[in-house]
Amino acid sequence: RFEGADGRVTSVVTKSGRSLPADAVVIGSAPCRT
């Protein structure tokens, strides 16, 4: 999932539980199995 504040992304959370700070995100390929 993505998490954010005030309508803007602030972090990327992975299935393994990593929370990665993000000022911006770029989707580069088929990103998930769902």
PDB file of all heavy atoms in Angstrom:
ATOM      1  N   ARG A   1       0.834  -1.199   0.000  1.00  0.00           N
ATOM      2  CA  ARG A   1       0.000   0.000   0.000  1.00  0.00           C
ATOM      3  C   ARG A   1       0.873   1.257   0.000  1.00  0.00           C
ATOM      4  O   ARG A   1       2.069   1.189   0.258  1.00  0.00           O
ATOM      5  CB  ARG A   1      -0.912   0.020   1.222  1.00  0.00           C
ATOM      6  CG  ARG A   1      -0.190   0.175   2.537  1.00  0.00           C
ATOM      7  CD  ARG A   1      -1.134   0.032   3.739  1.00  0.00           C
ATOM      8  NE  ARG A   1      -0.443   0.255   4.998  1.00  0.00           N
ATOM      9  CZ  ARG A   1       0.242  -0.673   5.651  1.00  0.00           C
ATOM     10  NH1 ARG A   1       0.343  -1.907   5.154  1.00  0.00           N
ATOM     11  NH2 ARG A   1       0.836  -0.390   6.799  1.00  0.00           N
ATOM     12  N   PHE A   2       0.222   2.358  -0.288  1.00  0.00           N
ATOM     13  CA  PHE A   2       0.836   3.674  -0.147  1.00  0.00           C
ATOM     14  C   PHE A   2       0.224   4.358   1.064  1.00  0.00           C
ATOM     15  O   PHE A   2      -0.969   4.214   1.318  1.00  0.00           O
ATOM     16  CB  PHE A   2       0.586   4.536  -1.387  1.00  0.00           C
ATOM     17  CG  PHE A   2       1.130   3.959  -2.652  1.00  0.00           C
ATOM     18  CD1 PHE A   2       0.269   3.498  -3.635  1.00  0.00           C
ATOM     19  CD2 PHE A   2       2.489   3.866  -2.865  1.00  0.00           C
ATOM     20  CE1 PHE A   2       0.765   2.966  -4.814  1.00  0.00           C
ATOM     21  CE2 PHE A   2       2.999   3.327  -4.040  1.00  0.00           C
ATOM     22  CZ  PHE A   2       2.129   2.879  -5.014  1.00  0.00           C
ATOM     23  N   GLU A   3       1.026   5.110   1.769  1.00  0.00           N
ATOM     24  CA  GLU A   3       0.510   5.931   2.859  1.00  0.00           C
ATOM     25  C   GLU A   3       0.840   7.378   2.550  1.00  0.00           C
ATOM     26  O   GLU A   3       1.793   7.671   1.828  1.00  0.00           O
ATOM     27  CB  GLU A   3       1.119   5.495   4.196  1.00  0.00           C
ATOM     28  CG  GLU A   3       0.675   4.104   4.603  1.00  0.00           C
ATOM     29  CD  GLU A   3       1.238   3.637   5.932  1.00  0.00           C
ATOM     30  OE1 GLU A   3       2.213   4.252   6.430  1.00  0.00           O
ATOM     31  OE2 GLU A   3       0.704   2.653   6.476  1.00  0.00           O
ATOM     32  N   GLY A   4       0.040   8.289   3.096  1.00  0.00           N
ATOM     33  CA  GLY A   4       0.258   9.687   2.778  1.00  0.00           C
ATOM     34  C   GLY A   4      -0.284  10.620   3.835  1.00  0.00           C
ATOM     35  O   GLY A   4      -0.847  10.194   4.844  1.00  0.00           O
ATOM     36  N   ALA A   5      -0.094  11.895   3.584  1.00  0.00           N
ATOM     37  CA  ALA A   5      -0.606  12.958   4.445  1.00  0.00           C
ATOM     38  C   ALA A   5      -1.041  14.113   3.558  1.00  0.00           C
ATOM     39  O   ALA A   5      -0.373  14.414   2.554  1.00  0.00           O
ATOM     40  CB  ALA A   5       0.476  13.422   5.424  1.00  0.00           C
ATOM     41  N   ASP A   6      -2.158  14.720   3.892  1.00  0.00           N
ATOM     42  CA  ASP A   6      -2.695  15.850   3.133  1.00  0.00           C
ATOM     43  C   ASP A   6      -2.858  15.525   1.649  1.00  0.00           C
ATOM     44  O   ASP A   6      -2.602  16.362   0.782  1.00  0.00           O
ATOM     45  CB  ASP A   6      -1.801  17.089   3.314  1.00  0.00           C
ATOM     46  CG  ASP A   6      -1.704  17.522   4.765  1.00  0.00           C
ATOM     47  OD1 ASP A   6      -2.737  17.455   5.473  1.00  0.00           O
ATOM     48  OD2 ASP A   6      -0.599  17.915   5.193  1.00  0.00           O
ATOM     49  N   GLY A   7      -3.236  14.285   1.364  1.00  0.00           N
ATOM     50  CA  GLY A   7      -3.511  13.890  -0.012  1.00  0.00           C
ATOM     51  C   GLY A   7      -2.304  13.540  -0.842  1.00  0.00           C
ATOM     52  O   GLY A   7      -2.429  13.303  -2.045  1.00  0.00           O
ATOM     53  N   ARG A   8      -1.119  13.496  -0.233  1.00  0.00           N
ATOM     54  CA  ARG A   8       0.106  13.220  -0.984  1.00  0.00           C
ATOM     55  C   ARG A   8       0.837  12.020  -0.390  1.00  0.00           C
ATOM     56  O   ARG A   8       0.879  11.838   0.814  1.00  0.00           O
ATOM     57  CB  ARG A   8       1.021  14.436  -0.963  1.00  0.00           C
ATOM     58  CG  ARG A   8       2.251  14.222  -1.828  1.00  0.00           C
ATOM     59  CD  ARG A   8       3.040  15.477  -2.075  1.00  0.00           C
ATOM     60  NE  ARG A   8       4.210  15.115  -2.845  1.00  0.00           N
ATOM     61  CZ  ARG A   8       4.247  15.029  -4.163  1.00  0.00           C
ATOM     62  NH1 ARG A   8       3.182  15.330  -4.869  1.00  0.00           N
ATOM     63  NH2 ARG A   8       5.346  14.668  -4.790  1.00  0.00           N
ATOM     64  N   VAL A   9       1.434  11.210  -1.264  1.00  0.00           N
ATOM     65  CA  VAL A   9       2.169  10.036  -0.809  1.00  0.00           C
ATOM     66  C   VAL A   9       3.355  10.439   0.072  1.00  0.00           C
ATOM     67  O   VAL A   9       4.037  11.431  -0.205  1.00  0.00           O
ATOM     68  CB  VAL A   9       2.643   9.179  -2.007  1.00  0.00           C
ATOM     69  CG1 VAL A   9       3.739   9.870  -2.819  1.00  0.00           C
ATOM     70  CG2 VAL A   9       3.098   7.799  -1.553  1.00  0.00           C
ATOM     71  N   THR A  10       3.558   9.698   1.155  1.00  0.00           N
ATOM     72  CA  THR A  10       4.711   9.934   2.037  1.00  0.00           C
ATOM     73  C   THR A  10       5.530   8.662   2.257  1.00  0.00           C
ATOM     74  O   THR A  10       6.679   8.734   2.669  1.00  0.00           O
ATOM     75  CB  THR A  10       4.271  10.468   3.407  1.00  0.00           C
ATOM     76  OG1 THR A  10       3.338   9.540   3.992  1.00  0.00           O
ATOM     77  CG2 THR A  10       3.634  11.849   3.285  1.00  0.00           C
ATOM     78  N   SER A  11       4.920   7.496   1.995  1.00  0.00           N
ATOM     79  CA  SER A  11       5.675   6.256   2.164  1.00  0.00           C
ATOM     80  C   SER A  11       5.056   5.125   1.364  1.00  0.00           C
ATOM     81  O   SER A  11       3.873   5.154   1.010  1.00  0.00           O
ATOM     82  CB  SER A  11       5.770   5.861   3.640  1.00  0.00           C
ATOM     83  OG  SER A  11       4.488   5.572   4.154  1.00  0.00           O
ATOM     84  N   VAL A  12       5.907   4.130   1.087  1.00  0.00           N
ATOM     85  CA  VAL A  12       5.505   2.903   0.423  1.00  0.00           C
ATOM     86  C   VAL A  12       5.670   1.783   1.433  1.00  0.00           C
ATOM     87  O   VAL A  12       6.737   1.643   2.034  1.00  0.00           O
ATOM     88  CB  VAL A  12       6.387   2.641  -0.820  1.00  0.00           C
ATOM     89  CG1 VAL A  12       6.115   1.264  -1.399  1.00  0.00           C
ATOM     90  CG2 VAL A  12       6.181   3.729  -1.860  1.00  0.00           C
ATOM     91  N   VAL A  13       4.624   0.984   1.630  1.00  0.00           N
ATOM     92  CA  VAL A  13       4.681  -0.140   2.559  1.00  0.00           C
ATOM     93  C   VAL A  13       4.633  -1.426   1.743  1.00  0.00           C
ATOM     94  O   VAL A  13       3.777  -1.584   0.865  1.00  0.00           O
ATOM     95  CB  VAL A  13       3.519  -0.097   3.570  1.00  0.00           C
ATOM     96  CG1 VAL A  13       3.597  -1.284   4.527  1.00  0.00           C
ATOM     97  CG2 VAL A  13       3.548   1.222   4.344  1.00  0.00           C
ATOM     98  N   THR A  14       5.572  -2.342   2.034  1.00  0.00           N
ATOM     99  CA  THR A  14       5.648  -3.595   1.292  1.00  0.00           C
ATOM    100  C   THR A  14       4.986  -4.723   2.072  1.00  0.00           C
ATOM    101  O   THR A  14       4.721  -4.613   3.267  1.00  0.00           O
ATOM    102  CB  THR A  14       7.110  -3.968   1.000  1.00  0.00           C
ATOM    103  OG1 THR A  14       7.747  -4.355   2.224  1.00  0.00           O
ATOM    104  CG2 THR A  14       7.859  -2.808   0.343  1.00  0.00           C
ATOM    105  N   LYS A  15       4.750  -5.831   1.393  1.00  0.00           N
ATOM    106  CA  LYS A  15       4.123  -6.993   2.032  1.00  0.00           C
ATOM    107  C   LYS A  15       4.983  -7.550   3.152  1.00  0.00           C
ATOM    108  O   LYS A  15       4.471  -8.146   4.092  1.00  0.00           O
ATOM    109  CB  LYS A  15       3.856  -8.086   0.997  1.00  0.00           C
ATOM    110  CG  LYS A  15       2.884  -7.686  -0.075  1.00  0.00           C
ATOM    111  CD  LYS A  15       1.480  -8.060   0.244  1.00  0.00           C
ATOM    112  CE  LYS A  15       0.578  -7.609  -0.876  1.00  0.00           C
ATOM    113  NZ  LYS A  15      -0.658  -8.288  -0.981  1.00  0.00           N
ATOM    114  N   SER A  16       6.302  -7.365   3.064  1.00  0.00           N
ATOM    115  CA  SER A  16       7.186  -7.864   4.119  1.00  0.00           C
ATOM    116  C   SER A  16       7.206  -6.937   5.332  1.00  0.00           C
ATOM    117  O   SER A  16       7.849  -7.234   6.330  1.00  0.00           O
ATOM    118  CB  SER A  16       8.611  -8.042   3.587  1.00  0.00           C
ATOM    119  OG  SER A  16       9.196  -6.772   3.343  1.00  0.00           O
ATOM    120  N   GLY A  17       6.528  -5.782   5.227  1.00  0.00           N
ATOM    121  CA  GLY A  17       6.450  -4.854   6.350  1.00  0.00           C
ATOM    122  C   GLY A  17       7.403  -3.679   6.284  1.00  0.00           C
ATOM    123  O   GLY A  17       7.426  -2.852   7.194  1.00  0.00           O
ATOM    124  N   ARG A  18       8.190  -3.574   5.198  1.00  0.00           N
ATOM    125  CA  ARG A  18       9.058  -2.397   5.064  1.00  0.00           C
ATOM    126  C   ARG A  18       8.203  -1.148   4.864  1.00  0.00           C
ATOM    127  O   ARG A  18       7.230  -1.173   4.118  1.00  0.00           O
ATOM    128  CB  ARG A  18       9.980  -2.542   3.856  1.00  0.00           C
ATOM    129  CG  ARG A  18      11.076  -3.533   3.999  1.00  0.00           C
ATOM    130  CD  ARG A  18      12.031  -3.445   2.797  1.00  0.00           C
ATOM    131  NE  ARG A  18      13.117  -4.381   2.943  1.00  0.00           N
ATOM    132  CZ  ARG A  18      13.129  -5.609   2.413  1.00  0.00           C
ATOM    133  NH1 ARG A  18      12.099  -6.018   1.692  1.00  0.00           N
ATOM    134  NH2 ARG A  18      14.156  -6.402   2.604  1.00  0.00           N
ATOM    135  N   SER A  19       8.620  -0.063   5.492  1.00  0.00           N
ATOM    136  CA  SER A  19       7.991   1.235   5.254  1.00  0.00           C
ATOM    137  C   SER A  19       9.072   2.158   4.722  1.00  0.00           C
ATOM    138  O   SER A  19      10.017   2.504   5.428  1.00  0.00           O
ATOM    139  CB  SER A  19       7.403   1.787   6.556  1.00  0.00           C
ATOM    140  OG  SER A  19       6.779   3.030   6.306  1.00  0.00           O
ATOM    141  N   LEU A  20       8.945   2.515   3.456  1.00  0.00           N
ATOM    142  CA  LEU A  20       9.979   3.285   2.766  1.00  0.00           C
ATOM    143  C   LEU A  20       9.517   4.715   2.557  1.00  0.00           C
ATOM    144  O   LEU A  20       8.500   4.944   1.891  1.00  0.00           O
ATOM    145  CB  LEU A  20      10.291   2.637   1.414  1.00  0.00           C
ATOM    146  CG  LEU A  20      10.666   1.152   1.469  1.00  0.00           C
ATOM    147  CD1 LEU A  20      10.702   0.559   0.075  1.00  0.00           C
ATOM    148  CD2 LEU A  20      12.007   0.971   2.175  1.00  0.00           C
ATOM    149  N   PRO A  21      10.227   5.701   3.114  1.00  0.00           N
ATOM    150  CA  PRO A  21       9.847   7.102   2.903  1.00  0.00           C
ATOM    151  C   PRO A  21       9.873   7.454   1.420  1.00  0.00           C
ATOM    152  O   PRO A  21      10.784   7.034   0.691  1.00  0.00           O
ATOM    153  CB  PRO A  21      10.912   7.892   3.664  1.00  0.00           C
ATOM    154  CG  PRO A  21      11.623   6.911   4.514  1.00  0.00           C
ATOM    155  CD  PRO A  21      11.451   5.569   3.888  1.00  0.00           C
ATOM    156  N   ALA A  22       8.881   8.211   0.982  1.00  0.00           N
ATOM    157  CA  ALA A  22       8.800   8.559  -0.441  1.00  0.00           C
ATOM    158  C   ALA A  22       8.216   9.956  -0.602  1.00  0.00           C
ATOM    159  O   ALA A  22       7.120  10.227  -0.135  1.00  0.00           O
ATOM    160  CB  ALA A  22       7.939   7.547  -1.177  1.00  0.00           C
ATOM    161  N   ASP A  23       8.968  10.823  -1.261  1.00  0.00           N
ATOM    162  CA  ASP A  23       8.430  12.115  -1.678  1.00  0.00           C
ATOM    163  C   ASP A  23       7.672  11.971  -2.989  1.00  0.00           C
ATOM    164  O   ASP A  23       6.825  12.787  -3.324  1.00  0.00           O
ATOM    165  CB  ASP A  23       9.561  13.130  -1.846  1.00  0.00           C
ATOM    166  CG  ASP A  23      10.325  13.346  -0.554  1.00  0.00           C
ATOM    167  OD1 ASP A  23       9.679  13.547   0.490  1.00  0.00           O
ATOM    168  OD2 ASP A  23      11.571  13.290  -0.585  1.00  0.00           O
ATOM    169  N   ALA A  24       8.028  10.909  -3.749  1.00  0.00           N
ATOM    170  CA  ALA A  24       7.366  10.607  -5.017  1.00  0.00           C
ATOM    171  C   ALA A  24       7.547   9.122  -5.292  1.00  0.00           C
ATOM    172  O   ALA A  24       8.464   8.489  -4.777  1.00  0.00           O
ATOM    173  CB  ALA A  24       7.948  11.437  -6.153  1.00  0.00           C
ATOM    174  N   VAL A  25       6.665   8.597  -6.130  1.00  0.00           N
ATOM    175  CA  VAL A  25       6.703   7.177  -6.514  1.00  0.00           C
ATOM    176  C   VAL A  25       6.579   7.110  -8.025  1.00  0.00           C
ATOM    177  O   VAL A  25       5.809   7.864  -8.639  1.00  0.00           O
ATOM    178  CB  VAL A  25       5.548   6.394  -5.857  1.00  0.00           C
ATOM    179  CG1 VAL A  25       5.467   4.973  -6.389  1.00  0.00           C
ATOM    180  CG2 VAL A  25       5.669   6.393  -4.343  1.00  0.00           C
ATOM    181  N   VAL A  26       7.329   6.191  -8.646  1.00  0.00           N
ATOM    182  CA  VAL A  26       7.175   5.916 -10.065  1.00  0.00           C
ATOM    183  C   VAL A  26       6.868   4.432 -10.210  1.00  0.00           C
ATOM    184  O   VAL A  26       7.612   3.590  -9.709  1.00  0.00           O
ATOM    185  CB  VAL A  26       8.434   6.283 -10.878  1.00  0.00           C
ATOM    186  CG1 VAL A  26       8.232   5.951 -12.349  1.00  0.00           C
ATOM    187  CG2 VAL A  26       8.772   7.759 -10.715  1.00  0.00           C
ATOM    188  N   ILE A  27       5.772   4.129 -10.888  1.00  0.00           N
ATOM    189  CA  ILE A  27       5.388   2.748 -11.146  1.00  0.00           C
ATOM    190  C   ILE A  27       6.083   2.315 -12.423  1.00  0.00           C
ATOM    191  O   ILE A  27       5.842   2.862 -13.489  1.00  0.00           O
ATOM    192  CB  ILE A  27       3.860   2.601 -11.296  1.00  0.00           C
ATOM    193  CG1 ILE A  27       3.119   3.276 -10.137  1.00  0.00           C
ATOM    194  CG2 ILE A  27       3.488   1.130 -11.430  1.00  0.00           C
ATOM    195  CD1 ILE A  27       3.465   2.787  -8.774  1.00  0.00           C
ATOM    196  N   GLY A  28       6.963   1.312 -12.295  1.00  0.00           N
ATOM    197  CA  GLY A  28       7.807   0.947 -13.421  1.00  0.00           C
ATOM    198  C   GLY A  28       7.465  -0.353 -14.099  1.00  0.00           C
ATOM    199  O   GLY A  28       8.015  -0.657 -15.150  1.00  0.00           O
ATOM    200  N   SER A  29       6.609  -1.188 -13.539  1.00  0.00           N
ATOM    201  CA  SER A  29       6.261  -2.447 -14.178  1.00  0.00           C
ATOM    202  C   SER A  29       5.087  -3.047 -13.446  1.00  0.00           C
ATOM    203  O   SER A  29       4.526  -2.440 -12.557  1.00  0.00           O
ATOM    204  CB  SER A  29       7.446  -3.422 -14.162  1.00  0.00           C
ATOM    205  OG  SER A  29       7.734  -3.835 -12.838  1.00  0.00           O
ATOM    206  N   ALA A  30       4.739  -4.296 -13.817  1.00  0.00           N
ATOM    207  CA  ALA A  30       3.657  -4.987 -13.103  1.00  0.00           C
ATOM    208  C   ALA A  30       4.095  -5.124 -11.656  1.00  0.00           C
ATOM    209  O   ALA A  30       5.001  -5.879 -11.333  1.00  0.00           O
ATOM    210  CB  ALA A  30       3.429  -6.346 -13.717  1.00  0.00           C
ATOM    211  N   PRO A  31       3.510  -4.359 -10.731  1.00  0.00           N
ATOM    212  CA  PRO A  31       4.082  -4.188  -9.425  1.00  0.00           C
ATOM    213  C   PRO A  31       3.608  -5.131  -8.339  1.00  0.00           C
ATOM    214  O   PRO A  31       4.178  -5.180  -7.281  1.00  0.00           O
ATOM    215  CB  PRO A  31       3.657  -2.763  -9.068  1.00  0.00           C
ATOM    216  CG  PRO A  31       2.376  -2.576  -9.787  1.00  0.00           C
ATOM    217  CD  PRO A  31       2.423  -3.432 -10.995  1.00  0.00           C
ATOM    218  N   CYS A  32       2.531  -5.852  -8.566  1.00  0.00           N
ATOM    219  CA  CYS A  32       2.028  -6.705  -7.498  1.00  0.00           C
ATOM    220  C   CYS A  32       1.204  -7.834  -8.093  1.00  0.00           C
ATOM    221  O   CYS A  32       0.777  -7.773  -9.220  1.00  0.00           O
ATOM    222  CB  CYS A  32       1.208  -5.896  -6.487  1.00  0.00           C
ATOM    223  SG  CYS A  32      -0.099  -4.927  -7.245  1.00  0.00           S
ATOM    224  N   ARG A  33       0.990  -8.856  -7.324  1.00  0.00           N
ATOM    225  CA  ARG A  33       0.292 -10.040  -7.812  1.00  0.00           C
ATOM    226  C   ARG A  33      -1.218  -9.894  -7.769  1.00  0.00           C
ATOM    227  O   ARG A  33      -1.930 -10.705  -8.308  1.00  0.00           O
ATOM    228  CB  ARG A  33       0.716 -11.258  -6.982  1.00  0.00           C
ATOM    229  CG  ARG A  33       2.168 -11.634  -7.173  1.00  0.00           C
ATOM    230  CD  ARG A  33       2.487 -12.942  -6.479  1.00  0.00           C
ATOM    231  NE  ARG A  33       3.869 -13.312  -6.718  1.00  0.00           N
ATOM    232  CZ  ARG A  33       4.865 -13.062  -5.885  1.00  0.00           C
ATOM    233  NH1 ARG A  33       4.629 -12.430  -4.757  1.00  0.00           N
ATOM    234  NH2 ARG A  33       6.086 -13.438  -6.171  1.00  0.00           N
ATOM    235  N   THR A  34      -1.734  -8.870  -7.088  1.00  0.00           N
ATOM    236  CA  THR A  34      -3.185  -8.739  -6.915  1.00  0.00           C
ATOM    237  C   THR A  34      -3.851  -8.207  -8.167  1.00  0.00           C
ATOM    238  O   THR A  34      -3.237  -7.591  -8.990  1.00  0.00           O
ATOM    239  CB  THR A  34      -3.492  -7.802  -5.747  1.00  0.00           C
ATOM    240  OG1 THR A  34      -2.858  -6.546  -5.970  1.00  0.00           O
ATOM    241  CG2 THR A  34      -3.038  -8.410  -4.450  1.00  0.00           C
TER     242      THR A  34
END
